[in-house]
Amino acid sequence: MYLFSSGKSKDKGPPEAYRLHRHPVDGPGYHERRHSSVERHLNTAPPIRVGYLGKRYPHQYRHTEEIFPQGRDYYEFPTSNYPYDRQIARGKVQGQPEIEGFTRTVTDHDRNIRGVMYHPENDRKKFVRADEVYPSRSRRRR
């Protein structure tokens, strides 16, 4: 596999996975979310409400971190089994503990995945874009 930071790959097709550098883990200090897992969570989400600026998910991504190209609208979805039908006005789920550091999938208005972002360790206000992992061009399948 080869890694391409910040999702700026010229490669055609989606990445194989998204690499998140956070939380102490056994091994290399990161974990990966498979693209197929991200798609599966996105497929269970409600439709995008174009122009919606509230906090309920999905909602418009506001570019405060400037980690995605400017000039177009993006939408943010939790990358988890999120109970969309039970969320309150601020996007939280009443009676459910807040999940520390869960990832978000960012899409365009057609729900094409543009990347994944996450809270870095010890900073719940900031987001970092996950690295995109692509299959190695030299790897041969048998």
Protein backbone atom coordinates (compact mmCIF):
# COMPACT_ATOMS: atom_id res chain seq x y z
CA MET A 1 0.00 0.00 0.00
CA TYR A 2 1.04 3.54 -0.42
CA LEU A 3 -0.08 6.51 1.56
CA PHE A 4 -1.18 9.84 0.21
CA SER A 5 -1.73 12.60 2.76
CA SER A 6 -4.59 15.06 2.66
CA GLY A 7 -6.59 13.34 -0.04
CA LYS A 8 -4.88 15.07 -2.94
CA SER A 9 -4.27 11.89 -4.93
CA LYS A 10 -4.30 11.92 -8.70
CA ASP A 11 -5.25 8.22 -8.47
CA LYS A 12 -8.56 7.25 -10.01
CA GLY A 13 -10.97 5.56 -7.68
CA PRO A 14 -11.52 5.70 -3.94
CA PRO A 15 -8.85 5.00 -1.36
CA GLU A 16 -8.72 1.59 0.24
CA ALA A 17 -8.74 3.06 3.74
CA TYR A 18 -8.37 6.22 5.82
CA ARG A 19 -5.53 6.38 8.36
CA LEU A 20 -6.18 8.14 11.67
CA HIS A 21 -3.19 9.11 13.81
CA ARG A 22 -4.48 9.27 17.35
CA HIS A 23 -4.97 7.46 20.63
CA PRO A 24 -2.34 5.12 21.98
CA VAL A 25 -2.74 1.74 20.37
CA ASP A 26 -0.67 -1.41 20.23
CA GLY A 27 1.33 -1.32 17.04
CA PRO A 28 2.09 1.58 14.73
CA GLY A 29 0.21 4.37 16.58
CA TYR A 30 -2.68 4.70 14.15
CA HIS A 31 -5.72 2.81 12.98
CA GLU A 32 -7.45 2.63 9.65
CA ARG A 33 -11.09 2.90 8.64
CA ARG A 34 -11.82 0.86 5.53
CA HIS A 35 -13.49 2.77 2.70
CA SER A 36 -16.18 0.06 2.57
CA SER A 37 -16.97 0.68 6.26
CA VAL A 38 -17.23 4.44 5.68
CA GLU A 39 -19.61 3.82 2.75
CA ARG A 40 -21.73 1.43 4.81
CA HIS A 41 -22.27 4.06 7.51
CA LEU A 42 -23.01 6.72 4.92
CA ASN A 43 -25.64 4.49 3.29
CA THR A 44 -27.65 4.36 6.54
CA ALA A 45 -27.71 8.15 6.96
CA PRO A 46 -30.73 10.32 6.14
CA PRO A 47 -30.74 12.52 3.03
CA ILE A 48 -28.78 15.75 2.89
CA ARG A 49 -30.79 18.92 3.43
CA VAL A 50 -29.02 21.30 1.06
CA GLY A 51 -28.32 24.62 2.76
CA TYR A 52 -29.11 23.32 6.29
CA LEU A 53 -26.78 25.09 8.73
CA GLY A 54 -27.98 23.59 12.02
CA LYS A 55 -26.10 21.06 14.13
CA ARG A 56 -28.21 17.96 13.49
CA TYR A 57 -26.52 15.42 11.23
CA PRO A 58 -26.05 15.44 8.36
CA HIS A 59 -25.19 19.10 8.20
CA GLN A 60 -23.11 21.44 6.09
CA TYR A 61 -19.40 21.33 6.85
CA ARG A 62 -18.23 24.87 7.64
CA HIS A 63 -14.54 24.70 6.58
CA THR A 64 -13.29 26.07 9.90
CA GLU A 65 -10.21 23.84 9.74
CA GLU A 66 -9.59 24.53 6.02
CA ILE A 67 -8.68 20.88 5.37
CA PHE A 68 -10.88 20.45 2.27
CA PRO A 69 -10.75 22.56 -0.91
CA GLN A 70 -12.69 25.78 -0.67
CA GLY A 71 -15.35 26.91 -3.13
CA ARG A 72 -17.91 24.14 -2.80
CA ASP A 73 -20.39 22.90 -0.24
CA TYR A 74 -19.53 19.80 1.77
CA TYR A 75 -21.65 17.84 4.22
CA GLU A 76 -20.64 16.12 7.42
CA PHE A 77 -21.84 12.71 8.67
CA PRO A 78 -20.75 10.70 11.72
CA THR A 79 -18.75 7.67 10.60
CA SER A 80 -20.48 5.36 13.05
CA ASN A 81 -23.77 3.62 13.74
CA TYR A 82 -25.27 6.96 14.66
CA PRO A 83 -28.90 7.06 15.85
CA TYR A 84 -30.01 9.90 13.54
CA ASP A 85 -33.66 9.50 14.56
CA ARG A 86 -32.85 10.19 18.23
CA GLN A 87 -30.65 13.26 17.91
CA ILE A 88 -31.73 16.53 19.50
CA ALA A 89 -31.33 20.02 18.02
CA ARG A 90 -27.60 20.28 18.75
CA GLY A 91 -26.75 16.97 17.02
CA LYS A 92 -26.29 15.14 20.31
CA VAL A 93 -28.22 12.03 21.30
CA GLN A 94 -30.10 12.39 24.54
CA GLY A 95 -29.18 9.75 27.12
CA GLN A 96 -26.14 8.56 25.17
CA PRO A 97 -22.66 9.38 26.40
CA GLU A 98 -20.68 11.50 23.99
CA ILE A 99 -18.28 9.38 21.99
CA GLU A 100 -14.81 10.82 22.26
CA GLY A 101 -13.04 11.39 18.99
CA PHE A 102 -15.36 9.70 16.55
CA THR A 103 -14.71 10.30 12.89
CA ARG A 104 -16.76 12.26 10.38
CA THR A 105 -17.27 11.52 6.72
CA VAL A 106 -17.26 14.57 4.46
CA THR A 107 -19.18 14.41 1.17
CA ASP A 108 -20.33 16.69 -1.62
CA HIS A 109 -24.07 17.31 -2.14
CA ASP A 110 -24.30 14.09 -4.21
CA ARG A 111 -22.91 12.09 -1.24
CA ASN A 112 -19.61 11.34 -2.96
CA ILE A 113 -17.04 10.83 -0.22
CA ARG A 114 -14.44 13.59 -0.25
CA GLY A 115 -12.57 12.48 2.86
CA VAL A 116 -12.66 11.55 6.51
CA MET A 117 -11.70 13.79 9.42
CA TYR A 118 -11.26 13.15 13.13
CA HIS A 119 -10.48 14.87 16.40
CA PRO A 120 -6.76 14.60 17.18
CA GLU A 121 -5.88 13.17 20.56
CA ASN A 122 -6.67 15.55 23.44
CA ASP A 123 -8.37 18.16 21.25
CA ARG A 124 -12.13 17.76 20.85
CA LYS A 125 -12.57 21.11 19.09
CA LYS A 126 -10.14 20.64 16.21
CA PHE A 127 -10.36 18.28 13.23
CA VAL A 128 -7.58 16.71 11.19
CA ARG A 129 -8.05 15.12 7.79
CA ALA A 130 -7.29 11.40 7.70
CA ASP A 131 -4.59 10.21 5.32
CA GLU A 132 -5.87 8.20 2.39
CA VAL A 133 -4.35 4.76 1.81
CA TYR A 134 -4.28 3.35 -1.72
CA PRO A 135 -3.29 -0.13 -2.92
CA SER A 136 0.32 -0.36 -3.99
CA ARG A 137 0.78 -0.32 -7.73
CA SER A 138 3.44 -3.00 -7.40
CA ARG A 139 1.28 -5.42 -5.41
CA ARG A 140 0.12 -8.34 -7.49
CA ARG A 141 -3.05 -10.23 -6.80
CA ARG A 142 -3.07 -13.97 -7.24
